[in-house]
Amino acid sequence: MEKTQLRQRVRARLQRQREETRRRKSEAVWRKLQRLTVFRRAKTVCCYVSLPDEVQTGPLIMQMLEAGKRVVVPKVQGRRLALSEIKDPARELAPGAFGVLEPKGALRPVALERLDLVLVPGLAFDRRGHRLGRGEGYFDRFLARVPETTPTIGVCYDFQLVDRLPNEPHDQAVGVVISA
């Protein structure tokens, strides 16, 4: 199946998913994540800010901040993702590119080498860690810049995990995929 067809199919399934199901499955994904040693040891975590149909990150971001972790989120700048530390999501985030909540005002930049873990969204993932994004390439370009030693974890709902995705040379894989 081609990427365009797969994106359409997954988007339709995401839209049909009930809010209660989305919340319950998001919580299950985060419970799995919190059991991982790499997460427990991470002091600085780069976490995407979820769109309404994605595995929800709002509660996780708050939990990480309350636990004393440094939370870093992406912001679209031109064709790249810049990173900024956040401390108070309710005050510091506003709708940005593509309707995604992003840091507003001056950024608190964080070097890629300072990241202990990167949490990555996707429309679909396969069992080898390949991901299918929304088609603009922002996370592929970002992941290509992340040091190879930095763990990357893709998160998704079970129906977004497939056996094999079509991939191209510019597509970047994640190290682990967690789903529920």
C-alpha atoms as a PDB file:
ATOM      1  CA  MET A   1       0.000   0.000   0.000  1.00  0.00           C
ATOM      2  CA  GLU A   2       1.264   3.481  -0.839  1.00  0.00           C
ATOM      3  CA  LYS A   3       1.934   6.103   1.813  1.00  0.00           C
ATOM      4  CA  THR A   4      -0.943   8.331   0.656  1.00  0.00           C
ATOM      5  CA  GLN A   5      -3.483   5.506   0.915  1.00  0.00           C
ATOM      6  CA  LEU A   6      -2.161   4.409   4.289  1.00  0.00           C
ATOM      7  CA  ARG A   7      -2.339   7.985   5.626  1.00  0.00           C
ATOM      8  CA  GLN A   8      -5.969   8.258   4.500  1.00  0.00           C
ATOM      9  CA  ARG A   9      -6.906   4.951   6.094  1.00  0.00           C
ATOM     10  CA  VAL A  10      -5.207   5.731   9.421  1.00  0.00           C
ATOM     11  CA  ARG A  11      -6.637   9.254   9.564  1.00  0.00           C
ATOM     12  CA  ALA A  12     -10.153   7.871   9.047  1.00  0.00           C
ATOM     13  CA  ARG A  13      -9.635   5.353  11.847  1.00  0.00           C
ATOM     14  CA  LEU A  14      -8.266   8.065  14.151  1.00  0.00           C
ATOM     15  CA  GLN A  15     -11.321  10.236  13.485  1.00  0.00           C
ATOM     16  CA  ARG A  16     -13.671   7.344  14.323  1.00  0.00           C
ATOM     17  CA  GLN A  17     -11.951   6.622  17.629  1.00  0.00           C
ATOM     18  CA  ARG A  18     -14.022   7.763  20.586  1.00  0.00           C
ATOM     19  CA  GLU A  19     -12.589  10.291  23.047  1.00  0.00           C
ATOM     20  CA  GLU A  20     -12.879   7.875  25.982  1.00  0.00           C
ATOM     21  CA  THR A  21     -11.015   5.186  24.031  1.00  0.00           C
ATOM     22  CA  ARG A  22      -8.309   7.686  23.071  1.00  0.00           C
ATOM     23  CA  ARG A  23      -7.864   8.734  26.708  1.00  0.00           C
ATOM     24  CA  ARG A  24      -7.761   5.141  27.995  1.00  0.00           C
ATOM     25  CA  LYS A  25      -5.280   3.988  25.355  1.00  0.00           C
ATOM     26  CA  SER A  26      -3.081   7.064  25.862  1.00  0.00           C
ATOM     27  CA  GLU A  27      -2.887   6.279  29.586  1.00  0.00           C
ATOM     28  CA  ALA A  28      -1.933   2.676  28.768  1.00  0.00           C
ATOM     29  CA  VAL A  29       0.869   3.854  26.454  1.00  0.00           C
ATOM     30  CA  TRP A  30       2.247   6.135  29.179  1.00  0.00           C
ATOM     31  CA  ARG A  31       2.121   3.371  31.804  1.00  0.00           C
ATOM     32  CA  LYS A  32       4.223   1.196  29.476  1.00  0.00           C
ATOM     33  CA  LEU A  33       6.642   4.050  28.865  1.00  0.00           C
ATOM     34  CA  GLN A  34       7.049   4.777  32.572  1.00  0.00           C
ATOM     35  CA  ARG A  35       8.130   1.169  33.181  1.00  0.00           C
ATOM     36  CA  LEU A  36      11.095   1.547  30.815  1.00  0.00           C
ATOM     37  CA  THR A  37      14.475   2.123  32.425  1.00  0.00           C
ATOM     38  CA  VAL A  38      15.426   4.591  29.681  1.00  0.00           C
ATOM     39  CA  PHE A  39      12.440   6.752  30.633  1.00  0.00           C
ATOM     40  CA  ARG A  40      12.985   6.520  34.373  1.00  0.00           C
ATOM     41  CA  ARG A  41      16.654   7.526  33.972  1.00  0.00           C
ATOM     42  CA  ALA A  42      15.984  10.336  31.483  1.00  0.00           C
ATOM     43  CA  LYS A  43      16.475  13.801  32.906  1.00  0.00           C
ATOM     44  CA  THR A  44      15.765  15.729  29.674  1.00  0.00           C
ATOM     45  CA  VAL A  45      12.924  14.431  27.490  1.00  0.00           C
ATOM     46  CA  CYS A  46      11.867  15.790  24.116  1.00  0.00           C
ATOM     47  CA  CYS A  47       8.126  15.194  23.825  1.00  0.00           C
ATOM     48  CA  TYR A  48       5.782  16.138  21.005  1.00  0.00           C
ATOM     49  CA  VAL A  49       2.674  18.138  21.903  1.00  0.00           C
ATOM     50  CA  SER A  50      -0.228  16.038  20.699  1.00  0.00           C
ATOM     51  CA  LEU A  51      -2.871  16.878  18.158  1.00  0.00           C
ATOM     52  CA  PRO A  52      -6.401  15.872  19.216  1.00  0.00           C
ATOM     53  CA  ASP A  53      -6.264  12.524  17.378  1.00  0.00           C
ATOM     54  CA  GLU A  54      -2.775  11.480  18.590  1.00  0.00           C
ATOM     55  CA  VAL A  55      -1.708   9.629  21.718  1.00  0.00           C
ATOM     56  CA  GLN A  56      -2.316  12.424  24.225  1.00  0.00           C
ATOM     57  CA  THR A  57       0.805  13.976  25.768  1.00  0.00           C
ATOM     58  CA  GLY A  58      -0.688  16.682  28.010  1.00  0.00           C
ATOM     59  CA  PRO A  59      -0.956  14.547  31.159  1.00  0.00           C
ATOM     60  CA  LEU A  60       2.468  12.963  30.548  1.00  0.00           C
ATOM     61  CA  ILE A  61       4.135  16.356  30.138  1.00  0.00           C
ATOM     62  CA  MET A  62       2.628  17.491  33.452  1.00  0.00           C
ATOM     63  CA  GLN A  63       3.748  14.258  35.183  1.00  0.00           C
ATOM     64  CA  MET A  64       7.283  14.670  33.843  1.00  0.00           C
ATOM     65  CA  LEU A  65       7.459  18.279  35.024  1.00  0.00           C
ATOM     66  CA  GLU A  66       6.116  17.323  38.473  1.00  0.00           C
ATOM     67  CA  ALA A  67       8.758  14.567  38.665  1.00  0.00           C
ATOM     68  CA  GLY A  68      11.506  17.119  38.014  1.00  0.00           C
ATOM     69  CA  LYS A  69      12.303  16.128  34.445  1.00  0.00           C
ATOM     70  CA  ARG A  70      13.320  18.785  31.966  1.00  0.00           C
ATOM     71  CA  VAL A  71      10.690  18.780  29.206  1.00  0.00           C
ATOM     72  CA  VAL A  72      11.559  19.995  25.721  1.00  0.00           C
ATOM     73  CA  VAL A  73       9.017  20.393  22.912  1.00  0.00           C
ATOM     74  CA  PRO A  74       9.377  21.120  19.191  1.00  0.00           C
ATOM     75  CA  LYS A  75       8.462  24.332  17.398  1.00  0.00           C
ATOM     76  CA  VAL A  76       8.301  24.683  13.627  1.00  0.00           C
ATOM     77  CA  GLN A  77      10.813  27.218  12.328  1.00  0.00           C
ATOM     78  CA  GLY A  78      10.891  27.312   8.558  1.00  0.00           C
ATOM     79  CA  ARG A  79      11.413  23.717   7.390  1.00  0.00           C
ATOM     80  CA  ARG A  80      12.944  22.540  10.698  1.00  0.00           C
ATOM     81  CA  LEU A  81      11.911  21.775  14.223  1.00  0.00           C
ATOM     82  CA  ALA A  82      13.575  23.903  16.899  1.00  0.00           C
ATOM     83  CA  LEU A  83      13.513  22.744  20.510  1.00  0.00           C
ATOM     84  CA  SER A  84      12.480  24.721  23.555  1.00  0.00           C
ATOM     85  CA  GLU A  85      12.265  23.798  27.212  1.00  0.00           C
ATOM     86  CA  ILE A  86       8.874  24.382  28.794  1.00  0.00           C
ATOM     87  CA  LYS A  87       8.003  24.703  32.465  1.00  0.00           C
ATOM     88  CA  ASP A  88       4.331  25.758  32.391  1.00  0.00           C
ATOM     89  CA  PRO A  89       2.504  24.363  29.342  1.00  0.00           C
ATOM     90  CA  ALA A  90      -0.749  26.221  30.053  1.00  0.00           C
ATOM     91  CA  ARG A  91       1.046  29.577  29.873  1.00  0.00           C
ATOM     92  CA  GLU A  92       3.831  28.839  27.412  1.00  0.00           C
ATOM     93  CA  LEU A  93       2.078  27.003  24.567  1.00  0.00           C
ATOM     94  CA  ALA A  94      -0.151  28.463  21.852  1.00  0.00           C
ATOM     95  CA  PRO A  95      -1.410  27.188  18.485  1.00  0.00           C
ATOM     96  CA  GLY A  96       1.362  27.321  15.915  1.00  0.00           C
ATOM     97  CA  ALA A  97       2.085  25.634  12.604  1.00  0.00           C
ATOM     98  CA  PHE A  98      -0.584  23.144  11.531  1.00  0.00           C
ATOM     99  CA  GLY A  99      -2.606  23.935  14.693  1.00  0.00           C
ATOM    100  CA  VAL A 100      -0.091  22.181  16.952  1.00  0.00           C
ATOM    101  CA  LEU A 101       0.548  23.813  20.323  1.00  0.00           C
ATOM    102  CA  GLU A 102       4.071  25.254  20.331  1.00  0.00           C
ATOM    103  CA  PRO A 103       6.174  27.452  22.606  1.00  0.00           C
ATOM    104  CA  LYS A 104       5.237  31.100  22.194  1.00  0.00           C
ATOM    105  CA  GLY A 105       7.574  34.022  22.658  1.00  0.00           C
ATOM    106  CA  ALA A 106      11.292  33.585  23.173  1.00  0.00           C
ATOM    107  CA  LEU A 107      12.505  30.001  23.076  1.00  0.00           C
ATOM    108  CA  ARG A 108      14.584  28.319  25.755  1.00  0.00           C
ATOM    109  CA  PRO A 109      16.794  26.377  23.311  1.00  0.00           C
ATOM    110  CA  VAL A 110      18.159  22.962  24.221  1.00  0.00           C
ATOM    111  CA  ALA A 111      20.984  21.317  22.283  1.00  0.00           C
ATOM    112  CA  LEU A 112      20.199  17.941  20.736  1.00  0.00           C
ATOM    113  CA  GLU A 113      23.154  16.437  22.598  1.00  0.00           C
ATOM    114  CA  ARG A 114      21.442  17.249  25.917  1.00  0.00           C
ATOM    115  CA  LEU A 115      18.420  15.043  25.171  1.00  0.00           C
ATOM    116  CA  ASP A 116      18.193  11.774  27.090  1.00  0.00           C
ATOM    117  CA  LEU A 117      15.085  10.573  25.260  1.00  0.00           C
ATOM    118  CA  VAL A 118      12.899  11.616  22.306  1.00  0.00           C
ATOM    119  CA  LEU A 119       9.179  10.712  22.105  1.00  0.00           C
ATOM    120  CA  VAL A 120       7.917  10.731  18.522  1.00  0.00           C
ATOM    121  CA  PRO A 121       4.396  10.788  17.045  1.00  0.00           C
ATOM    122  CA  GLY A 122       3.394   9.137  13.792  1.00  0.00           C
ATOM    123  CA  LEU A 123       0.382   8.148  11.758  1.00  0.00           C
ATOM    124  CA  ALA A 124       1.789   4.623  11.620  1.00  0.00           C
ATOM    125  CA  PHE A 125       4.840   2.634  12.668  1.00  0.00           C
ATOM    126  CA  ASP A 126       6.085  -0.779  11.689  1.00  0.00           C
ATOM    127  CA  ARG A 127       7.751  -3.415  13.828  1.00  0.00           C
ATOM    128  CA  ARG A 128      11.203  -2.323  12.625  1.00  0.00           C
ATOM    129  CA  GLY A 129      10.639   1.230  13.892  1.00  0.00           C
ATOM    130  CA  HIS A 130       9.932   2.855  10.538  1.00  0.00           C
ATOM    131  CA  ARG A 131       7.359   5.614  10.844  1.00  0.00           C
ATOM    132  CA  LEU A 132       4.840   7.244   8.584  1.00  0.00           C
ATOM    133  CA  GLY A 133       4.351  10.897   9.440  1.00  0.00           C
ATOM    134  CA  ARG A 134       1.836  13.405   8.195  1.00  0.00           C
ATOM    135  CA  GLY A 135       3.788  13.998   4.995  1.00  0.00           C
ATOM    136  CA  GLU A 136       5.756  17.196   5.590  1.00  0.00           C
ATOM    137  CA  GLY A 137       9.004  15.547   6.748  1.00  0.00           C
ATOM    138  CA  TYR A 138       9.542  17.655   9.887  1.00  0.00           C
ATOM    139  CA  PHE A 139      10.199  14.726  12.208  1.00  0.00           C
ATOM    140  CA  ASP A 140      12.327  12.904   9.612  1.00  0.00           C
ATOM    141  CA  ARG A 141      14.586  15.964   9.298  1.00  0.00           C
ATOM    142  CA  PHE A 142      14.627  16.341  13.092  1.00  0.00           C
ATOM    143  CA  LEU A 143      15.427  12.676  13.791  1.00  0.00           C
ATOM    144  CA  ALA A 144      18.251  12.783  11.244  1.00  0.00           C
ATOM    145  CA  ARG A 145      19.931  15.427  13.479  1.00  0.00           C
ATOM    146  CA  VAL A 146      19.417  13.598  16.792  1.00  0.00           C
ATOM    147  CA  PRO A 147      22.607  11.834  17.970  1.00  0.00           C
ATOM    148  CA  GLU A 148      22.480   8.089  17.261  1.00  0.00           C
ATOM    149  CA  THR A 149      23.094   7.380  20.955  1.00  0.00           C
ATOM    150  CA  THR A 150      19.887   9.180  22.004  1.00  0.00           C
ATOM    151  CA  PRO A 151      16.993   6.725  22.448  1.00  0.00           C
ATOM    152  CA  THR A 152      13.927   7.435  20.308  1.00  0.00           C
ATOM    153  CA  ILE A 153      10.497   5.994  21.059  1.00  0.00           C
ATOM    154  CA  GLY A 154       7.507   6.120  18.743  1.00  0.00           C
ATOM    155  CA  VAL A 155       4.094   6.075  20.385  1.00  0.00           C
ATOM    156  CA  CYS A 156       0.818   5.090  18.784  1.00  0.00           C
ATOM    157  CA  TYR A 157      -2.463   3.252  19.139  1.00  0.00           C
ATOM    158  CA  ASP A 158      -2.423  -0.483  18.370  1.00  0.00           C
ATOM    159  CA  PHE A 159      -4.146  -0.065  15.007  1.00  0.00           C
ATOM    160  CA  GLN A 160      -1.341   2.298  13.923  1.00  0.00           C
ATOM    161  CA  LEU A 161       1.266  -0.443  14.304  1.00  0.00           C
ATOM    162  CA  VAL A 162       1.624  -2.418  11.065  1.00  0.00           C
ATOM    163  CA  ASP A 163       3.902  -5.233   9.907  1.00  0.00           C
ATOM    164  CA  ARG A 164       5.767  -3.230   7.294  1.00  0.00           C
ATOM    165  CA  LEU A 165       5.699   0.345   6.006  1.00  0.00           C
ATOM    166  CA  PRO A 166       6.946   1.587   2.675  1.00  0.00           C
ATOM    167  CA  ASN A 167      10.070   3.598   3.361  1.00  0.00           C
ATOM    168  CA  GLU A 168      12.440   5.811   1.448  1.00  0.00           C
ATOM    169  CA  PRO A 169      16.064   6.794   2.096  1.00  0.00           C
ATOM    170  CA  HIS A 170      15.057  10.046   3.872  1.00  0.00           C
ATOM    171  CA  ASP A 171      12.642   8.278   6.251  1.00  0.00           C
ATOM    172  CA  GLN A 172      13.992   8.024   9.788  1.00  0.00           C
ATOM    173  CA  ALA A 173      13.164   5.089  12.077  1.00  0.00           C
ATOM    174  CA  VAL A 174      12.760   5.119  15.846  1.00  0.00           C
ATOM    175  CA  GLY A 175      14.473   2.674  18.185  1.00  0.00           C
ATOM    176  CA  VAL A 176      11.341   1.376  19.927  1.00  0.00           C
ATOM    177  CA  VAL A 177       7.583   1.621  19.370  1.00  0.00           C
ATOM    178  CA  ILE A 178       5.058   1.555  22.219  1.00  0.00           C
ATOM    179  CA  SER A 179       1.372   1.065  21.485  1.00  0.00           C
ATOM    180  CA  ALA A 180      -1.886   0.339  23.292  1.00  0.00           C
END
